[in-house]
Protein backbone atom coordinates (compact mmCIF):
# COMPACT_ATOMS: atom_id res chain seq x y z
CA MET A 1 182.29 30.86 -1.72
CA LYS A 2 182.91 29.26 1.81
CA LEU A 3 179.92 31.04 3.30
CA LYS A 4 177.67 30.01 0.54
CA SER A 5 178.93 26.32 0.81
CA LEU A 6 178.15 26.44 4.86
CA MET A 7 174.63 27.66 3.90
CA LEU A 8 173.86 25.14 1.28
CA GLY A 9 175.16 22.36 3.69
CA ALA A 10 172.84 23.48 6.64
CA ALA A 11 170.07 23.68 4.40
CA ALA A 12 170.35 19.74 3.48
CA ALA A 13 170.87 18.72 7.07
CA ALA A 14 167.69 20.53 8.05
CA ALA A 15 165.71 18.85 5.20
CA ALA A 16 167.16 15.57 6.01
CA THR A 17 166.43 15.90 9.61
CA THR A 18 162.76 17.27 8.86
CA ALA A 19 162.08 14.17 6.54
CA GLN A 20 163.42 11.52 9.28
CA ALA A 21 161.27 13.41 11.92
CA ALA A 22 158.11 12.95 9.69
CA ASP A 23 159.22 8.89 9.18
CA LEU A 24 159.01 8.62 13.08
CA PRO A 25 155.85 6.52 14.26
CA VAL A 26 153.10 8.46 16.23
CA ALA A 27 152.15 6.62 19.69
CA PRO A 28 148.65 5.52 19.33
CA GLU A 29 146.09 6.72 21.81
CA PRO A 30 145.54 4.28 24.74
CA VAL A 31 142.49 1.84 24.32
CA ASP A 32 140.29 0.32 26.67
CA TYR A 33 139.62 -3.18 25.36
CA VAL A 34 136.46 -5.17 26.89
CA ARG A 35 138.29 -8.04 28.85
CA VAL A 36 136.80 -11.63 29.69
CA CYS A 37 136.35 -11.96 33.18
CA ASP A 38 136.49 -15.69 33.93
CA ALA A 39 136.15 -15.38 37.99
CA TYR A 40 132.31 -15.70 38.09
CA GLY A 41 131.98 -17.97 35.02
CA ALA A 42 131.07 -17.98 31.42
CA ARG A 43 129.57 -14.46 29.93
CA PHE A 44 131.09 -12.00 32.33
CA TYR A 45 133.39 -8.91 31.07
CA TYR A 46 135.15 -6.17 33.06
CA ILE A 47 133.69 -3.10 32.42
CA PRO A 48 136.14 -0.84 30.88
CA GLY A 49 138.27 1.27 33.51
CA THR A 50 137.26 -0.74 36.41
CA GLU A 51 137.70 -4.02 38.39
CA THR A 52 133.89 -4.89 38.25
CA CYS A 53 132.92 -7.79 36.26
CA LEU A 54 129.29 -7.57 34.45
CA ARG A 55 127.05 -10.14 32.72
CA VAL A 56 124.29 -8.76 30.82
CA GLY A 57 121.36 -11.10 29.84
CA GLY A 58 117.67 -11.30 29.17
CA ARG A 59 114.56 -13.58 28.36
CA VAL A 60 111.53 -12.93 25.75
CA ARG A 61 108.41 -15.32 26.77
CA THR A 62 105.34 -15.72 25.17
CA GLN A 63 102.47 -17.98 26.40
CA PHE A 64 98.78 -18.60 25.46
CA VAL A 65 96.60 -20.02 28.39
CA VAL A 66 93.01 -21.45 27.90
CA ASN A 67 91.30 -20.41 31.27
CA ASN A 68 89.12 -22.99 33.24
CA VAL A 69 86.88 -24.93 30.78
CA LEU A 70 84.95 -27.03 33.37
CA ASP A 71 81.08 -26.08 34.20
CA GLY A 72 81.24 -22.99 36.35
CA GLY A 73 84.45 -21.85 34.85
CA ASN A 74 85.32 -18.95 32.58
CA TRP A 75 84.16 -20.80 29.51
CA GLY A 76 80.60 -20.83 31.27
CA ASP A 77 80.40 -17.13 31.96
CA ARG A 78 79.82 -14.68 28.79
CA ASP A 79 81.75 -12.00 30.47
CA ALA A 80 84.56 -13.92 31.70
CA ASP A 81 87.73 -14.49 29.34
CA GLY A 82 88.36 -17.47 27.90
CA TYR A 83 92.03 -17.04 27.45
CA SER A 84 94.88 -15.18 28.20
CA TRP A 85 97.87 -14.05 25.93
CA LEU A 86 101.12 -12.82 27.50
CA ALA A 87 104.48 -11.47 25.79
CA ARG A 88 106.88 -10.67 28.21
CA GLY A 89 110.55 -9.23 28.11
CA TYR A 90 113.23 -9.56 30.70
CA LEU A 91 116.51 -7.64 31.45
CA TYR A 92 119.34 -9.18 33.57
CA LEU A 93 122.33 -7.27 34.89
CA ASP A 94 124.71 -8.96 37.19
CA ALA A 95 127.68 -6.85 38.47
CA ARG A 96 130.56 -8.47 40.94
CA THR A 97 133.73 -6.96 42.24
CA ALA A 98 136.25 -8.91 44.63
CA THR A 99 136.76 -7.35 47.78
CA GLU A 100 138.95 -8.16 50.88
CA PHE A 101 135.66 -9.18 52.62
CA GLY A 102 134.45 -11.44 50.00
CA THR A 103 132.42 -10.47 46.49
CA LEU A 104 130.29 -7.43 46.44
CA ARG A 105 127.51 -8.32 43.84
CA ALA A 106 124.57 -6.09 42.70
CA PHE A 107 122.00 -8.03 40.78
CA VAL A 108 118.98 -6.59 39.11
CA SER A 109 116.19 -8.35 36.75
CA MET A 110 113.16 -6.44 35.44
CA TYR A 111 110.32 -7.20 32.99
CA GLY A 112 107.73 -5.50 30.80
CA ASP A 113 104.44 -7.26 30.01
CA SER A 114 101.81 -7.02 26.93
CA VAL A 115 98.85 -9.06 28.44
CA SER A 116 95.52 -9.75 26.66
CA ASN A 117 92.62 -10.46 29.18
CA GLY A 118 89.34 -9.24 27.39
CA THR A 119 90.53 -5.96 26.31
CA ASP A 120 93.35 -4.54 24.05
CA ASP A 121 96.89 -5.58 25.23
CA ALA A 122 98.10 -2.07 24.95
CA SER A 123 95.92 -1.03 27.86
CA ASN A 124 97.62 -4.24 29.75
CA SER A 125 100.99 -3.30 29.31
CA GLY A 126 103.71 -2.27 31.83
CA PHE A 127 106.87 -2.69 33.49
CA ALA A 128 107.71 -4.10 36.85
CA MET A 129 110.54 -5.01 39.14
CA ASP A 130 111.33 -8.68 39.33
CA ASN A 131 114.66 -8.81 41.67
CA ALA A 132 116.88 -6.00 42.72
CA TYR A 133 119.58 -6.65 45.47
CA ILE A 134 122.96 -6.46 46.95
CA GLN A 135 125.20 -9.08 48.35
CA TRP A 136 128.41 -8.44 50.07
CA GLY A 137 130.02 -11.52 52.08
CA GLY A 138 127.22 -13.04 53.76
CA LEU A 139 124.75 -10.10 53.86
CA THR A 140 122.09 -9.77 51.11
CA ALA A 141 119.62 -6.65 50.92
CA GLY A 142 116.96 -5.76 48.39
CA ARG A 143 113.89 -7.50 46.63
CA LEU A 144 114.60 -11.45 45.99
CA GLY A 145 112.64 -14.74 46.98
CA SER A 146 111.92 -15.39 50.29
CA ASN A 147 114.41 -17.31 52.78
CA PHE A 148 111.57 -19.62 54.14
CA ASP A 149 110.89 -20.80 50.35
CA ILE A 150 112.37 -24.08 49.78
CA PHE A 151 111.28 -25.46 46.51
CA THR A 152 108.88 -23.55 44.02
CA GLY A 153 107.65 -26.29 41.38
CA GLN A 154 109.03 -28.27 38.67
CA ALA A 155 106.17 -27.57 36.11
CA PHE A 156 107.42 -25.48 33.06
CA MET A 157 104.55 -22.86 33.22
CA GLY A 158 102.25 -23.92 36.33
CA VAL A 159 98.80 -22.95 34.76
CA VAL A 160 97.04 -23.45 38.13
CA GLY A 161 98.60 -22.55 41.65
CA ARG A 162 100.07 -25.10 43.75
CA ASP A 163 100.26 -24.49 47.59
CA TRP A 164 103.41 -23.92 48.93
CA SER A 165 105.44 -21.05 50.11
CA ASP A 166 106.49 -18.98 46.84
CA THR A 167 107.22 -15.01 47.82
CA THR A 168 109.33 -12.51 46.16
CA LEU A 169 109.69 -9.42 48.79
CA ASN A 170 112.05 -6.96 50.29
CA GLN A 171 114.22 -8.12 53.11
CA ILE A 172 117.81 -8.06 54.52
CA ALA A 173 119.39 -11.41 55.65
CA TYR A 174 122.71 -12.63 56.95
CA THR A 175 123.91 -16.09 55.77
CA ALA A 176 126.55 -18.05 57.31
CA ALA A 177 128.32 -20.76 55.47
CA PHE A 178 129.96 -23.64 57.55
CA GLY A 179 131.36 -25.72 54.82
CA ASN A 180 130.45 -29.08 53.03
CA GLY A 181 127.62 -27.41 51.80
CA PHE A 182 125.66 -26.50 55.11
CA SER A 183 124.34 -22.78 55.94
CA ALA A 184 122.15 -21.10 58.25
CA THR A 185 120.24 -17.88 57.25
CA ILE A 186 118.41 -15.21 59.74
CA ALA A 187 116.24 -12.42 58.11
CA LEU A 188 113.76 -9.87 58.39
CA GLU A 189 111.42 -9.66 55.73
CA ASP A 190 108.69 -7.23 54.64
CA ARG A 191 105.42 -8.21 56.46
CA THR A 192 102.88 -6.65 54.10
CA ALA A 193 104.02 -9.30 51.57
CA ARG A 194 102.66 -12.32 54.06
CA GLN A 195 99.25 -10.74 54.95
CA VAL A 196 96.06 -12.72 54.56
CA GLY A 197 92.92 -11.02 55.55
CA ALA A 198 92.28 -7.42 56.78
CA TYR A 199 95.50 -6.03 58.50
CA GLY A 200 96.37 -2.63 59.68
CA GLY A 201 99.33 -0.38 58.90
CA SER A 202 103.09 -1.97 58.98
CA ARG A 203 104.63 -2.35 62.08
CA ALA A 204 106.93 -5.12 62.43
CA PRO A 205 108.68 -7.18 59.75
CA ASP A 206 108.76 -10.75 59.56
CA VAL A 207 111.49 -12.87 61.27
CA VAL A 208 112.59 -15.77 59.20
CA ALA A 209 115.29 -18.53 59.68
CA ALA A 210 116.54 -21.38 57.74
CA LEU A 211 118.71 -24.20 58.00
CA GLY A 212 120.11 -25.67 54.66
CA VAL A 213 122.44 -28.22 53.16
CA SER A 214 123.34 -28.32 49.57
CA GLN A 215 125.53 -31.25 48.14
CA GLY A 216 126.05 -33.56 45.30
CA TRP A 217 122.90 -35.59 46.33
CA GLY A 218 120.82 -32.66 46.19
CA SER A 219 119.60 -30.32 49.02
CA ALA A 220 117.47 -29.93 52.10
CA GLN A 221 116.21 -26.84 54.14
CA LEU A 222 114.47 -26.50 57.41
CA SER A 223 112.44 -22.89 57.67
CA GLY A 224 110.60 -20.95 60.39
CA ALA A 225 109.00 -17.63 60.65
CA LEU A 226 107.44 -15.18 63.13
CA HIS A 227 104.92 -12.87 61.91
CA GLN A 228 102.94 -10.30 63.60
CA VAL A 229 98.80 -10.58 63.47
CA TYR A 230 98.01 -6.79 63.38
CA PRO A 231 94.33 -6.24 62.57
CA ASP A 232 93.16 -3.19 61.05
CA VAL A 233 90.82 -0.38 63.15
CA ALA A 234 87.75 -1.95 62.00
CA ASN A 235 89.09 -5.35 63.84
CA ASN A 236 90.71 -4.16 66.43
CA ASN A 237 88.18 -3.15 69.22
CA ALA A 238 86.71 -4.77 72.32
CA THR A 239 84.69 -7.32 70.80
CA GLY A 240 87.19 -7.81 67.48
CA GLY A 241 90.73 -8.97 67.05
CA GLU A 242 93.77 -8.14 69.42
CA ASP A 243 97.64 -8.38 67.90
CA ASN A 244 98.73 -11.96 68.03
CA MET A 245 102.15 -13.75 66.90
CA GLY A 246 101.56 -15.68 63.89
CA TRP A 247 104.13 -18.61 62.79
CA ALA A 248 105.15 -21.07 60.65
CA ILE A 249 107.48 -23.74 59.89
CA GLY A 250 108.49 -25.94 57.00
CA GLY A 251 111.02 -28.49 55.58
CA GLY A 252 111.99 -29.80 52.33
CA VAL A 253 114.58 -31.92 50.16
CA VAL A 254 115.48 -32.14 46.60
CA VAL A 255 116.77 -35.51 45.61
CA ASN A 256 118.95 -35.55 42.35
CA ILE A 257 117.99 -39.02 40.59
CA PRO A 258 120.97 -39.49 37.92
CA MET A 259 120.27 -43.26 38.00
CA VAL A 260 117.43 -42.40 35.97
CA THR A 261 118.81 -39.41 33.48
CA PRO A 262 121.33 -36.84 34.70
CA GLY A 263 119.13 -33.68 35.47
CA SER A 264 116.73 -35.65 36.86
CA ASN A 265 115.38 -35.13 40.30
CA ILE A 266 112.41 -35.36 42.96
CA PHE A 267 111.05 -32.98 45.56
CA PHE A 268 109.08 -33.49 48.79
CA GLN A 269 108.02 -30.37 51.28
CA GLY A 270 105.74 -29.60 53.95
CA PHE A 271 104.47 -26.49 55.86
CA TYR A 272 102.77 -25.64 58.66
CA ALA A 273 101.03 -22.20 59.75
CA ASP A 274 99.21 -20.59 62.64
CA GLY A 275 98.07 -17.05 62.04
CA ALA A 276 100.60 -16.79 59.01
CA LEU A 277 98.61 -18.91 55.87
CA ALA A 278 100.58 -16.99 53.37
CA TYR A 279 103.49 -19.57 54.24
CA ILE A 280 101.44 -22.50 53.33
CA GLY A 281 100.43 -20.75 50.21
CA ALA A 282 96.99 -19.21 50.93
CA GLY A 283 95.43 -16.12 49.53
CA ASP A 284 92.82 -13.89 50.38
CA THR A 285 90.54 -16.04 48.38
CA GLU A 286 90.48 -19.74 47.59
CA GLY A 287 87.58 -21.15 45.31
CA GLY A 288 85.42 -18.23 46.08
CA ILE A 289 85.99 -18.86 49.87
CA THR A 290 87.34 -15.64 51.88
CA VAL A 291 90.39 -16.48 53.74
CA SER A 292 92.08 -14.68 56.88
CA ASP A 293 94.97 -15.26 59.11
CA TYR A 294 92.45 -14.18 61.97
CA VAL A 295 88.74 -13.71 63.08
CA GLY A 296 88.28 -11.69 66.53
CA ASP A 297 90.93 -12.98 68.81
CA ASP A 298 91.46 -16.30 67.09
CA THR A 299 93.84 -17.30 64.57
CA SER A 300 93.59 -19.61 61.57
CA THR A 301 95.98 -22.82 61.21
CA GLY A 302 96.70 -24.83 58.26
CA TYR A 303 98.98 -26.91 56.43
CA SER A 304 100.29 -27.81 53.22
CA LEU A 305 102.18 -30.93 51.52
CA SER A 306 103.51 -30.95 48.03
CA ALA A 307 105.74 -33.16 45.75
CA GLY A 308 107.40 -33.30 42.30
CA ALA A 309 109.51 -34.85 39.67
CA TYR A 310 111.39 -33.78 36.86
CA ILE A 311 112.85 -36.01 34.58
CA GLN A 312 115.37 -35.33 31.68
CA ALA A 313 113.75 -37.74 29.06
CA THR A 314 116.20 -37.03 26.27
CA SER A 315 119.12 -34.41 25.96
CA THR A 316 116.32 -32.13 24.68
CA ILE A 317 112.82 -32.92 26.12
CA GLY A 318 112.11 -32.61 29.81
CA LEU A 319 109.04 -33.83 31.74
CA ALA A 320 107.86 -32.22 35.02
CA LEU A 321 104.76 -33.08 37.34
CA ASP A 322 103.92 -31.11 40.71
CA GLY A 323 101.17 -31.48 43.22
CA SER A 324 100.03 -30.03 46.42
CA TYR A 325 97.49 -30.64 49.05
CA MET A 326 96.54 -27.53 51.34
CA ASP A 327 93.76 -27.90 54.37
CA VAL A 328 93.11 -24.82 56.31
CA ASP A 329 90.99 -24.40 59.62
CA GLN A 330 89.68 -20.94 59.97
CA ALA A 331 88.98 -19.09 63.22
CA THR A 332 85.40 -19.16 64.07
CA GLY A 333 83.33 -17.39 61.78
CA ASN A 334 85.24 -18.32 58.50
CA THR A 335 84.68 -21.23 56.24
CA ASP A 336 87.25 -24.44 56.48
CA PHE A 337 88.31 -25.82 53.19
CA ASN A 338 91.26 -27.84 51.51
CA ARG A 339 92.48 -27.49 48.01
CA TYR A 340 94.43 -30.22 45.86
CA ALA A 341 96.08 -29.23 42.65
CA ILE A 342 98.42 -30.78 40.04
CA ASP A 343 100.48 -29.66 37.18
CA GLY A 344 102.26 -31.49 34.41
CA SER A 345 104.11 -30.27 31.59
CA VAL A 346 106.75 -31.36 28.72
CA LYS A 347 109.14 -29.02 27.11
CA TRP A 348 111.73 -28.93 24.35
CA GLU A 349 114.85 -27.46 23.86
CA PRO A 350 115.97 -27.90 20.22
CA VAL A 351 118.35 -25.37 20.77
CA SER A 352 120.41 -24.17 23.88
CA GLY A 353 118.35 -21.50 25.45
CA PHE A 354 115.02 -21.69 23.11
CA GLU A 355 112.26 -23.90 24.97
CA LEU A 356 108.94 -24.48 23.61
CA GLY A 357 106.28 -26.46 25.98
CA ALA A 358 102.70 -27.50 26.80
CA ASP A 359 101.18 -27.55 30.09
CA VAL A 360 97.93 -28.79 31.75
CA GLY A 361 96.56 -28.31 35.30
CA TYR A 362 93.79 -29.21 37.77
CA ALA A 363 92.79 -28.02 40.95
CA ASN A 364 89.89 -28.56 43.36
CA THR A 365 88.71 -26.40 46.34
CA GLN A 366 86.29 -27.90 48.79
CA ALA A 367 84.57 -25.93 51.16
CA ASP A 368 83.90 -27.75 54.57
CA GLY A 369 80.08 -29.04 54.14
CA GLY A 370 79.71 -27.07 51.03
CA ASP A 371 80.44 -27.10 47.37
CA ASP A 372 83.46 -27.67 45.63
CA VAL A 373 85.25 -25.78 42.66
CA ASP A 374 87.02 -27.30 39.94
CA GLU A 375 89.74 -25.80 37.71
CA LEU A 376 91.07 -27.24 34.45
CA LEU A 377 93.56 -25.06 32.38
CA PHE A 378 95.73 -25.67 29.38
CA GLY A 379 98.84 -23.56 28.21
CA VAL A 380 101.56 -23.39 25.58
CA ARG A 381 104.75 -21.25 26.15
CA LEU A 382 107.92 -20.42 23.71
CA GLN A 383 110.93 -18.84 25.70
CA ARG A 384 114.39 -17.52 24.56
CA THR A 385 117.07 -17.05 27.18
CA PHE A 386 120.04 -15.21 26.34
């Protein structure tokens, strides 16, 4: 009887122990929750498992532009396109990590286009890299806007080109910040993005330097560049061109005018170039005129002046106006010319990040002693940034 009682007691104790063990909570698996990162502003999040903060954004843009409607323009040529229609999607990625030498940043922006220009838009679609660069402390390397550029316009669309420096290219640069908004930059930039005329193969990058200040009143910058003029084989001979050193300088200022309305500003800038016409906004052709940094051993010179204003008329309506004037004295054998352009826009932002606007632009290119070419274009755009 004693043995039987002991066995029954042991069985009861074992059953009670098992029941109690079953009631114990089970430790949950660890979960990497997405954490907000407020060190670099709004909309950054920590990448799970890392100390890197990431911001993901994008933009969708669609616009319709009526091409040159004046005599001799697109609408006077049956084989020319009377309009262009664009749909574009952007993707932005901004990753930042704090290090003992400063913030380590990697930024990427890319876009895909669908463009109608007289053909099925499917045949005019493609993807392109907009910006891709790394920043660490004062060092920047990759593809982004030139350090020579100062201000690149107020107009919402800019249906006609205005003449100033506005180039995105590959570069490596170092910026030293001196405090109180003052800084200095020295950079090596891709020369091939600044060639006007027939150039040989790439040899030396452009050297660009800038001094800038950015404070509550606005910002200002002085820029300089050295540019190798390197003729191609056909122009580098006993009677043709030799290598030259082109150069460019520029200066500009942006002034905030909160006394008008908060967010309003005006800008002024000017550029001069010798053998480096891309720095004043010139391309290979202007109004049907062939343009070149050199002819033979001589270099072409020119300057451009520009100004603009942006007025925040109401909390949702913005008005903008840009204008520029460019004058080029080409080396002997090529035509001298001047060009002026003006572009204005109105945009409405009924919802934060969603903008609708209209734009009109006029330009005139006058050849020295010859005919002039007029351009008049109109455009509308819808844009959503997120």
